[in-house]
Amino acid sequence: MFEGIKKVKKLWICGRTNHFNDAPKCLDNHIYLPELEVLKILLYDHFGSDFLHQHPVPCVGSFPSYLKKLTLQGTHLLWSKLTIISKLPKLEVLQFKALQLFGDKVGETVWEVSEMGFSKLKFLLIEKKGLKNWKATDDSFPCLERVIIKNCHFLQEIPKGFADSMRLKRIEL
C-alpha cells in the first residue's frame, strides 16, 4: 500500500476502528516507509465499545527504524510487544492514548521494561486504561526527560528507578 510514497516523513492514520477490521494491513506496512519519522495511529470507536475484536492491533514489528515519534490511540497491544517498540533505535517520543494494553495471560496488568529498553526516549505519555503495575529501572529509560501520566486510575506507583534518573526533569500526573 505504501510502496509509492517511500520518502514520506510524517503519516497519520485516522478513522473508526471498524474501518480497519477488514483491511488491517494498512496498519502493518510501515516498514515500506524507510524515511518515516512520525507516525500517529488514531482510531476511535463510534459506539464506545471496548471489545478486543473491534480494535485493530498494529504489527509492532512493522515500524521503520527511523521512527522518532510514535502515537498510538484507540488500538490494542500486548504488554510483551512493547519490548519490540523499545528497540526502535531513534524513538524519542512515545504516546499511548486510550490504548488498551493487555497481557498474554488474562488479567495481566504489569508493564515490565527491560534494561536499556528505550535507549533514546525523551518523552513518554501514558493516557488511560490498562496500566496497574509498572516496573522499570533508570537504565530502562536512560534519556527520559519528561513523563506524563493521565487518567491511569489503577496505576499503583511510578517506577522507583525513576528516583535515580539524572536526566528526568518532570513527571506530570
N, C-alpha and C. Protein backbone atom coordinates (compact mmCIF):
# COMPACT_ATOMS: atom_id res chain seq x y z
N MET A 1 0.81 -1.19 0.00
CA MET A 1 0.00 0.00 0.00
C MET A 1 0.86 1.27 0.00
N PHE A 2 1.97 1.26 0.75
CA PHE A 2 2.78 2.47 0.90
C PHE A 2 3.99 2.52 -0.03
N GLU A 3 4.14 1.55 -0.90
CA GLU A 3 5.34 1.47 -1.72
C GLU A 3 5.54 2.67 -2.64
N GLY A 4 4.48 3.40 -2.99
CA GLY A 4 4.60 4.54 -3.88
C GLY A 4 4.97 5.84 -3.19
N ILE A 5 5.03 5.84 -1.86
CA ILE A 5 5.32 7.08 -1.12
C ILE A 5 6.49 6.86 -0.15
N LYS A 6 7.55 6.27 -0.61
CA LYS A 6 8.67 5.88 0.24
C LYS A 6 9.34 7.02 0.98
N LYS A 7 9.28 8.23 0.46
CA LYS A 7 10.00 9.35 1.07
C LYS A 7 9.19 10.12 2.10
N VAL A 8 7.99 9.67 2.42
CA VAL A 8 7.15 10.37 3.39
C VAL A 8 7.82 10.33 4.78
N LYS A 9 7.78 11.47 5.49
CA LYS A 9 8.40 11.56 6.81
C LYS A 9 7.37 11.54 7.93
N LYS A 10 6.14 12.00 7.65
CA LYS A 10 5.08 12.03 8.66
C LYS A 10 3.84 11.36 8.10
N LEU A 11 3.20 10.54 8.93
CA LEU A 11 1.99 9.84 8.50
C LEU A 11 1.01 9.75 9.65
N TRP A 12 -0.22 10.14 9.38
CA TRP A 12 -1.32 9.99 10.33
C TRP A 12 -2.31 9.02 9.72
N ILE A 13 -2.74 8.06 10.49
CA ILE A 13 -3.80 7.15 10.09
C ILE A 13 -4.92 7.36 11.09
N CYS A 14 -6.06 7.83 10.60
CA CYS A 14 -7.18 8.17 11.47
C CYS A 14 -8.44 7.48 10.97
N GLY A 15 -9.35 7.17 11.89
CA GLY A 15 -10.64 6.64 11.47
C GLY A 15 -11.29 5.82 12.55
N ARG A 16 -12.47 5.35 12.24
CA ARG A 16 -13.20 4.47 13.18
C ARG A 16 -12.59 3.08 13.13
N THR A 17 -12.59 2.43 14.26
CA THR A 17 -11.96 1.11 14.35
C THR A 17 -12.55 0.12 13.37
N ASN A 18 -13.85 0.17 13.14
CA ASN A 18 -14.46 -0.82 12.25
C ASN A 18 -14.01 -0.65 10.80
N HIS A 19 -13.46 0.49 10.43
CA HIS A 19 -12.94 0.67 9.08
C HIS A 19 -11.67 -0.14 8.85
N PHE A 20 -11.01 -0.53 9.91
CA PHE A 20 -9.74 -1.24 9.78
C PHE A 20 -9.85 -2.74 10.04
N ASN A 21 -11.03 -3.21 10.39
CA ASN A 21 -11.20 -4.63 10.67
C ASN A 21 -11.02 -5.49 9.43
N ASP A 22 -11.50 -5.03 8.30
CA ASP A 22 -11.39 -5.81 7.07
C ASP A 22 -10.07 -5.62 6.35
N ALA A 23 -9.38 -4.53 6.62
CA ALA A 23 -8.12 -4.24 5.92
C ALA A 23 -7.06 -3.78 6.91
N PRO A 24 -6.68 -4.62 7.89
CA PRO A 24 -5.71 -4.19 8.90
C PRO A 24 -4.29 -4.00 8.35
N LYS A 25 -4.03 -4.44 7.13
CA LYS A 25 -2.68 -4.35 6.58
C LYS A 25 -2.19 -2.90 6.47
N CYS A 26 -3.10 -1.94 6.37
CA CYS A 26 -2.64 -0.55 6.29
C CYS A 26 -2.01 -0.12 7.61
N LEU A 27 -2.23 -0.87 8.69
CA LEU A 27 -1.58 -0.59 9.96
C LEU A 27 -0.25 -1.32 10.07
N ASP A 28 0.01 -2.23 9.15
CA ASP A 28 1.19 -3.10 9.28
C ASP A 28 2.25 -2.92 8.19
N ASN A 29 2.08 -1.98 7.30
CA ASN A 29 3.01 -1.84 6.17
C ASN A 29 3.98 -0.68 6.32
N HIS A 30 4.20 -0.21 7.51
CA HIS A 30 5.06 0.97 7.71
C HIS A 30 6.53 0.69 7.42
N ILE A 31 6.89 -0.57 7.40
CA ILE A 31 8.28 -0.94 7.12
C ILE A 31 8.67 -0.49 5.70
N TYR A 32 7.67 -0.30 4.84
CA TYR A 32 7.93 0.14 3.47
C TYR A 32 8.13 1.66 3.38
N LEU A 33 8.13 2.33 4.51
CA LEU A 33 8.36 3.77 4.57
C LEU A 33 9.67 4.00 5.33
N PRO A 34 10.79 3.77 4.68
CA PRO A 34 12.08 3.78 5.40
C PRO A 34 12.47 5.13 5.97
N GLU A 35 11.90 6.25 5.47
CA GLU A 35 12.26 7.56 5.97
C GLU A 35 11.22 8.12 6.95
N LEU A 36 10.24 7.30 7.30
CA LEU A 36 9.17 7.75 8.20
C LEU A 36 9.74 8.06 9.59
N GLU A 37 9.49 9.28 10.07
CA GLU A 37 9.97 9.72 11.38
C GLU A 37 8.85 9.89 12.39
N VAL A 38 7.63 10.23 11.91
CA VAL A 38 6.50 10.49 12.80
C VAL A 38 5.33 9.65 12.33
N LEU A 39 4.77 8.83 13.24
CA LEU A 39 3.61 8.01 12.92
C LEU A 39 2.58 8.17 14.01
N LYS A 40 1.36 8.51 13.60
CA LYS A 40 0.23 8.59 14.53
C LYS A 40 -0.86 7.68 14.00
N ILE A 41 -1.29 6.77 14.84
CA ILE A 41 -2.44 5.92 14.53
C ILE A 41 -3.52 6.30 15.53
N LEU A 42 -4.54 6.99 15.04
CA LEU A 42 -5.61 7.50 15.88
C LEU A 42 -6.92 6.84 15.47
N LEU A 43 -7.40 5.92 16.27
CA LEU A 43 -8.62 5.21 15.97
C LEU A 43 -9.65 5.48 17.06
N TYR A 44 -10.88 5.56 16.69
CA TYR A 44 -11.93 5.76 17.66
C TYR A 44 -13.09 4.83 17.33
N ASP A 45 -13.85 4.52 18.35
CA ASP A 45 -14.98 3.62 18.23
C ASP A 45 -16.25 4.44 18.43
N HIS A 46 -17.04 4.54 17.41
CA HIS A 46 -18.26 5.35 17.43
C HIS A 46 -19.20 4.96 18.57
N PHE A 47 -19.21 3.67 18.91
CA PHE A 47 -20.14 3.19 19.92
C PHE A 47 -19.51 3.07 21.30
N GLY A 48 -18.24 3.41 21.43
CA GLY A 48 -17.58 3.34 22.73
C GLY A 48 -17.33 1.93 23.21
N SER A 49 -17.36 0.98 22.32
CA SER A 49 -17.19 -0.42 22.68
C SER A 49 -15.73 -0.68 23.06
N ASP A 50 -15.52 -1.65 23.90
CA ASP A 50 -14.18 -1.99 24.33
C ASP A 50 -13.84 -3.45 24.03
N PHE A 51 -14.52 -4.05 23.10
CA PHE A 51 -14.28 -5.45 22.77
C PHE A 51 -13.02 -5.57 21.92
N LEU A 52 -12.20 -6.55 22.25
CA LEU A 52 -10.92 -6.74 21.58
C LEU A 52 -11.06 -6.89 20.08
N HIS A 53 -12.06 -7.65 19.62
CA HIS A 53 -12.15 -7.92 18.19
C HIS A 53 -12.52 -6.67 17.39
N GLN A 54 -12.94 -5.63 18.04
CA GLN A 54 -13.31 -4.41 17.33
C GLN A 54 -12.18 -3.38 17.31
N HIS A 55 -11.08 -3.68 17.92
CA HIS A 55 -9.96 -2.74 17.96
C HIS A 55 -8.77 -3.34 17.23
N PRO A 56 -8.34 -2.73 16.15
CA PRO A 56 -7.19 -3.26 15.41
C PRO A 56 -5.91 -3.26 16.24
N VAL A 57 -5.06 -4.18 15.92
CA VAL A 57 -3.78 -4.32 16.59
C VAL A 57 -2.68 -4.08 15.57
N PRO A 58 -1.90 -3.00 15.70
CA PRO A 58 -0.81 -2.82 14.75
C PRO A 58 0.28 -3.85 14.98
N CYS A 59 0.89 -4.28 13.90
CA CYS A 59 2.00 -5.23 13.99
C CYS A 59 3.24 -4.42 14.36
N VAL A 60 3.69 -4.53 15.60
CA VAL A 60 4.78 -3.67 16.07
C VAL A 60 6.10 -3.93 15.35
N GLY A 61 6.26 -5.08 14.76
CA GLY A 61 7.47 -5.38 14.01
C GLY A 61 7.54 -4.65 12.68
N SER A 62 6.48 -3.95 12.33
CA SER A 62 6.46 -3.26 11.03
C SER A 62 6.87 -1.79 11.13
N PHE A 63 7.21 -1.30 12.30
CA PHE A 63 7.60 0.09 12.43
C PHE A 63 9.01 0.29 11.87
N PRO A 64 9.22 1.33 11.05
CA PRO A 64 10.55 1.56 10.48
C PRO A 64 11.56 2.03 11.52
N SER A 65 12.82 1.76 11.27
CA SER A 65 13.87 2.04 12.26
C SER A 65 14.16 3.53 12.43
N TYR A 66 13.75 4.38 11.48
CA TYR A 66 14.00 5.82 11.61
C TYR A 66 12.92 6.54 12.41
N LEU A 67 11.94 5.82 12.89
CA LEU A 67 10.82 6.42 13.60
C LEU A 67 11.31 7.15 14.86
N LYS A 68 10.96 8.45 14.97
CA LYS A 68 11.34 9.25 16.13
C LYS A 68 10.16 9.52 17.05
N LYS A 69 8.96 9.55 16.49
CA LYS A 69 7.77 9.86 17.28
C LYS A 69 6.66 8.89 16.91
N LEU A 70 6.10 8.23 17.93
CA LEU A 70 5.03 7.27 17.71
C LEU A 70 3.88 7.56 18.67
N THR A 71 2.69 7.73 18.10
CA THR A 71 1.48 7.93 18.89
C THR A 71 0.49 6.84 18.52
N LEU A 72 0.01 6.11 19.52
CA LEU A 72 -1.00 5.08 19.31
C LEU A 72 -2.21 5.43 20.16
N GLN A 73 -3.36 5.54 19.50
CA GLN A 73 -4.59 5.87 20.22
C GLN A 73 -5.71 4.96 19.71
N GLY A 74 -6.39 4.32 20.66
CA GLY A 74 -7.54 3.50 20.31
C GLY A 74 -7.21 2.15 19.74
N THR A 75 -6.00 1.66 19.95
CA THR A 75 -5.63 0.33 19.46
C THR A 75 -5.36 -0.58 20.65
N HIS A 76 -5.11 -1.83 20.38
CA HIS A 76 -4.75 -2.80 21.41
C HIS A 76 -3.32 -3.27 21.16
N LEU A 77 -2.59 -3.54 22.22
CA LEU A 77 -1.25 -4.12 22.13
C LEU A 77 -1.03 -5.07 23.29
N LEU A 78 -0.24 -6.09 23.07
CA LEU A 78 0.21 -6.95 24.17
C LEU A 78 1.33 -6.23 24.91
N TRP A 79 1.37 -6.37 26.23
CA TRP A 79 2.47 -5.79 27.01
C TRP A 79 3.81 -6.27 26.45
N SER A 80 3.87 -7.54 26.10
CA SER A 80 5.14 -8.11 25.62
C SER A 80 5.60 -7.47 24.32
N LYS A 81 4.70 -6.93 23.52
CA LYS A 81 5.07 -6.31 22.25
C LYS A 81 5.72 -4.94 22.45
N LEU A 82 5.56 -4.34 23.62
CA LEU A 82 6.20 -3.06 23.88
C LEU A 82 7.72 -3.19 23.87
N THR A 83 8.22 -4.39 24.12
CA THR A 83 9.66 -4.62 24.06
C THR A 83 10.17 -4.36 22.65
N ILE A 84 9.40 -4.74 21.64
CA ILE A 84 9.80 -4.52 20.26
C ILE A 84 9.84 -3.01 19.97
N ILE A 85 8.83 -2.28 20.45
CA ILE A 85 8.82 -0.83 20.27
C ILE A 85 10.03 -0.20 20.97
N SER A 86 10.39 -0.74 22.12
CA SER A 86 11.52 -0.18 22.87
C SER A 86 12.84 -0.30 22.12
N LYS A 87 12.91 -1.19 21.16
CA LYS A 87 14.14 -1.40 20.41
C LYS A 87 14.26 -0.50 19.18
N LEU A 88 13.26 0.36 18.95
CA LEU A 88 13.38 1.30 17.84
C LEU A 88 14.53 2.25 18.16
N PRO A 89 15.59 2.26 17.37
CA PRO A 89 16.84 2.94 17.74
C PRO A 89 16.77 4.46 17.83
N LYS A 90 15.82 5.11 17.19
CA LYS A 90 15.76 6.57 17.17
C LYS A 90 14.52 7.14 17.87
N LEU A 91 13.71 6.28 18.48
CA LEU A 91 12.45 6.73 19.08
C LEU A 91 12.71 7.67 20.26
N GLU A 92 12.18 8.90 20.15
CA GLU A 92 12.36 9.92 21.18
C GLU A 92 11.05 10.27 21.89
N VAL A 93 9.93 10.11 21.20
CA VAL A 93 8.62 10.47 21.75
C VAL A 93 7.68 9.29 21.57
N LEU A 94 7.06 8.87 22.67
CA LEU A 94 6.11 7.76 22.64
C LEU A 94 4.86 8.18 23.40
N GLN A 95 3.72 8.08 22.72
CA GLN A 95 2.46 8.47 23.34
C GLN A 95 1.45 7.33 23.20
N PHE A 96 0.94 6.87 24.33
CA PHE A 96 -0.13 5.89 24.37
C PHE A 96 -1.38 6.61 24.85
N LYS A 97 -2.35 6.78 23.97
CA LYS A 97 -3.58 7.47 24.34
C LYS A 97 -4.75 6.52 24.17
N ALA A 98 -5.54 6.36 25.24
CA ALA A 98 -6.69 5.48 25.21
C ALA A 98 -6.32 4.14 24.58
N LEU A 99 -5.16 3.68 24.93
CA LEU A 99 -4.63 2.44 24.37
C LEU A 99 -4.95 1.31 25.33
N GLN A 100 -5.49 0.24 24.82
CA GLN A 100 -5.77 -0.92 25.66
C GLN A 100 -4.57 -1.86 25.58
N LEU A 101 -3.86 -1.96 26.65
CA LEU A 101 -2.74 -2.88 26.74
C LEU A 101 -3.21 -4.11 27.50
N PHE A 102 -2.85 -5.26 27.01
CA PHE A 102 -3.28 -6.47 27.68
C PHE A 102 -2.17 -7.50 27.63
N GLY A 103 -2.24 -8.43 28.57
CA GLY A 103 -1.18 -9.41 28.72
C GLY A 103 -1.44 -10.69 27.96
N ASP A 104 -0.40 -11.52 27.93
CA ASP A 104 -0.54 -12.82 27.30
C ASP A 104 -1.48 -13.70 28.12
N LYS A 105 -1.56 -13.40 29.41
CA LYS A 105 -2.46 -14.12 30.32
C LYS A 105 -3.61 -13.19 30.67
N VAL A 106 -4.77 -13.75 30.88
CA VAL A 106 -5.95 -12.96 31.23
C VAL A 106 -5.69 -12.20 32.53
N GLY A 107 -5.98 -10.91 32.54
CA GLY A 107 -5.83 -10.09 33.74
C GLY A 107 -4.43 -9.55 33.98
N GLU A 108 -3.48 -9.85 33.10
CA GLU A 108 -2.11 -9.37 33.27
C GLU A 108 -2.08 -7.85 33.09
N THR A 109 -1.54 -7.14 34.07
CA THR A 109 -1.56 -5.68 34.03
C THR A 109 -0.20 -5.08 34.36
N VAL A 110 0.85 -5.84 34.19
CA VAL A 110 2.20 -5.38 34.54
C VAL A 110 2.98 -5.05 33.28
N TRP A 111 3.55 -3.85 33.25
CA TRP A 111 4.47 -3.48 32.17
C TRP A 111 5.86 -3.52 32.77
N GLU A 112 6.63 -4.51 32.35
CA GLU A 112 7.99 -4.67 32.85
C GLU A 112 8.95 -4.28 31.74
N VAL A 113 9.66 -3.19 31.94
CA VAL A 113 10.56 -2.65 30.93
C VAL A 113 11.96 -3.19 31.19
N SER A 114 12.56 -3.74 30.14
CA SER A 114 13.90 -4.30 30.30
C SER A 114 14.94 -3.18 30.39
N GLU A 115 16.12 -3.52 30.90
CA GLU A 115 17.20 -2.53 30.98
C GLU A 115 17.59 -2.10 29.58
N MET A 116 17.93 -0.85 29.44
CA MET A 116 18.28 -0.24 28.15
C MET A 116 17.15 -0.43 27.14
N GLY A 117 15.93 -0.45 27.65
CA GLY A 117 14.77 -0.68 26.81
C GLY A 117 14.54 0.42 25.80
N PHE A 118 14.36 1.64 26.25
CA PHE A 118 14.07 2.77 25.37
C PHE A 118 15.30 3.68 25.38
N SER A 119 16.28 3.35 24.58
CA SER A 119 17.59 3.98 24.68
C SER A 119 17.61 5.48 24.35
N LYS A 120 16.72 5.97 23.49
CA LYS A 120 16.73 7.38 23.09
C LYS A 120 15.47 8.14 23.55
N LEU A 121 14.53 7.47 24.18
CA LEU A 121 13.25 8.08 24.52
C LEU A 121 13.42 9.24 25.49
N LYS A 122 12.85 10.42 25.10
CA LYS A 122 12.92 11.61 25.94
C LYS A 122 11.57 11.97 26.54
N PHE A 123 10.49 11.61 25.85
CA PHE A 123 9.15 11.99 26.28
C PHE A 123 8.23 10.78 26.23
N LEU A 124 7.49 10.54 27.30
CA LEU A 124 6.55 9.42 27.39
C LEU A 124 5.24 9.92 27.93
N LEU A 125 4.16 9.66 27.20
CA LEU A 125 2.82 9.97 27.67
C LEU A 125 2.02 8.68 27.71
N ILE A 126 1.42 8.42 28.86
CA ILE A 126 0.52 7.27 29.02
C ILE A 126 -0.81 7.83 29.47
N GLU A 127 -1.82 7.62 28.65
CA GLU A 127 -3.13 8.16 28.96
C GLU A 127 -4.18 7.06 28.91
N LYS A 128 -4.77 6.81 30.04
CA LYS A 128 -5.96 5.96 30.15
C LYS A 128 -5.67 4.47 29.99
N LYS A 129 -6.38 3.70 30.75
CA LYS A 129 -6.56 2.26 30.63
C LYS A 129 -5.35 1.37 30.88
N GLY A 130 -5.64 0.26 31.49
CA GLY A 130 -4.79 -0.92 31.44
C GLY A 130 -3.59 -1.00 32.36
N LEU A 131 -3.00 0.08 32.76
CA LEU A 131 -1.74 0.00 33.49
C LEU A 131 -1.99 0.03 34.99
N LYS A 132 -1.59 -1.08 35.66
CA LYS A 132 -1.70 -1.14 37.12
C LYS A 132 -0.32 -1.18 37.76
N ASN A 133 0.56 -1.97 37.20
CA ASN A 133 1.91 -2.13 37.74
C ASN A 133 2.92 -1.83 36.65
N TRP A 134 3.90 -1.00 36.99
CA TRP A 134 4.90 -0.58 36.02
C TRP A 134 6.25 -0.78 36.68
N LYS A 135 7.06 -1.64 36.10
CA LYS A 135 8.38 -1.95 36.66
C LYS A 135 9.45 -1.50 35.67
N ALA A 136 10.34 -0.65 36.15
CA ALA A 136 11.43 -0.15 35.32
C ALA A 136 12.54 0.36 36.21
N THR A 137 13.75 0.38 35.67
CA THR A 137 14.89 0.97 36.37
C THR A 137 15.27 2.25 35.64
N ASP A 138 16.19 3.01 36.19
CA ASP A 138 16.63 4.22 35.48
C ASP A 138 17.36 3.84 34.19
N ASP A 139 17.91 2.63 34.12
CA ASP A 139 18.56 2.15 32.90
C ASP A 139 17.57 1.85 31.78
N SER A 140 16.30 1.65 32.13
CA SER A 140 15.27 1.34 31.14
C SER A 140 14.97 2.54 30.25
N PHE A 141 15.13 3.73 30.79
CA PHE A 141 14.86 4.97 30.08
C PHE A 141 16.03 5.94 30.31
N PRO A 142 17.21 5.67 29.75
CA PRO A 142 18.39 6.47 30.09
C PRO A 142 18.34 7.93 29.65
N CYS A 143 17.51 8.27 28.67
CA CYS A 143 17.44 9.66 28.18
C CYS A 143 16.12 10.35 28.53
N LEU A 144 15.26 9.68 29.27
CA LEU A 144 13.93 10.20 29.55
C LEU A 144 14.00 11.50 30.34
N GLU A 145 13.32 12.53 29.81
CA GLU A 145 13.30 13.85 30.45
C GLU A 145 11.93 14.20 31.01
N ARG A 146 10.87 13.69 30.39
CA ARG A 146 9.53 14.08 30.80
C ARG A 146 8.57 12.91 30.66
N VAL A 147 7.73 12.72 31.70
CA VAL A 147 6.71 11.68 31.71
C VAL A 147 5.38 12.33 32.08
N ILE A 148 4.35 12.01 31.29
CA ILE A 148 3.00 12.47 31.61
C ILE A 148 2.12 11.24 31.75
N ILE A 149 1.43 11.14 32.88
CA ILE A 149 0.52 10.03 33.12
C ILE A 149 -0.86 10.63 33.38
N LYS A 150 -1.82 10.32 32.50
CA LYS A 150 -3.17 10.88 32.60
C LYS A 150 -4.19 9.76 32.72
N ASN A 151 -5.10 9.94 33.63
CA ASN A 151 -6.26 9.04 33.76
C ASN A 151 -5.89 7.57 33.89
N CYS A 152 -4.79 7.28 34.53
CA CYS A 152 -4.42 5.90 34.83
C CYS A 152 -4.81 5.64 36.28
N HIS A 153 -6.10 5.49 36.48
CA HIS A 153 -6.67 5.43 37.83
C HIS A 153 -6.21 4.22 38.64
N PHE A 154 -5.77 3.16 37.97
CA PHE A 154 -5.39 1.94 38.68
C PHE A 154 -3.89 1.80 38.88
N LEU A 155 -3.11 2.73 38.34
CA LEU A 155 -1.65 2.66 38.49
C LEU A 155 -1.30 2.81 39.97
N GLN A 156 -0.57 1.81 40.48
CA GLN A 156 -0.26 1.79 41.91
C GLN A 156 0.93 2.67 42.27
N GLU A 157 1.95 2.71 41.41
CA GLU A 157 3.10 3.56 41.69
C GLU A 157 3.93 3.78 40.44
N ILE A 158 4.67 4.85 40.45
CA ILE A 158 5.62 5.15 39.39
C ILE A 158 6.88 4.34 39.70
N PRO A 159 7.57 3.83 38.69
CA PRO A 159 8.76 3.02 38.97
C PRO A 159 9.74 3.73 39.90
N LYS A 160 10.20 3.02 40.90
CA LYS A 160 11.14 3.57 41.88
C LYS A 160 12.48 3.94 41.24
N GLY A 161 12.80 3.27 40.14
CA GLY A 161 14.06 3.56 39.44
C GLY A 161 14.14 4.97 38.91
N PHE A 162 12.99 5.62 38.74
CA PHE A 162 12.99 7.00 38.26
C PHE A 162 13.64 7.94 39.26
N ALA A 163 13.66 7.58 40.53
CA ALA A 163 14.27 8.42 41.55
C ALA A 163 15.78 8.56 41.33
N ASP A 164 16.39 7.57 40.69
CA ASP A 164 17.82 7.59 40.44
C ASP A 164 18.20 8.24 39.10
N SER A 165 17.21 8.62 38.32
CA SER A 165 17.48 9.17 37.00
C SER A 165 18.11 10.56 37.10
N MET A 166 19.18 10.76 36.37
CA MET A 166 19.85 12.06 36.36
C MET A 166 19.24 12.98 35.30
N ARG A 167 18.54 12.43 34.32
CA ARG A 167 18.00 13.23 33.22
C ARG A 167 16.54 13.60 33.40
N LEU A 168 15.80 12.83 34.15
CA LEU A 168 14.36 13.06 34.30
C LEU A 168 14.13 14.40 34.98
N LYS A 169 13.46 15.30 34.25
CA LYS A 169 13.22 16.66 34.75
C LYS A 169 11.81 16.86 35.29
N ARG A 170 10.86 16.09 34.72
CA ARG A 170 9.48 16.38 35.07
C ARG A 170 8.61 15.14 34.94
N ILE A 171 7.76 14.92 35.97
CA ILE A 171 6.72 13.90 35.93
C ILE A 171 5.41 14.61 36.20
N GLU A 172 4.45 14.45 35.29
CA GLU A 172 3.13 15.07 35.45
C GLU A 172 2.10 13.99 35.65
N LEU A 173 1.29 14.16 36.69
CA LEU A 173 0.20 13.21 36.95
C LEU A 173 -1.12 13.93 36.83
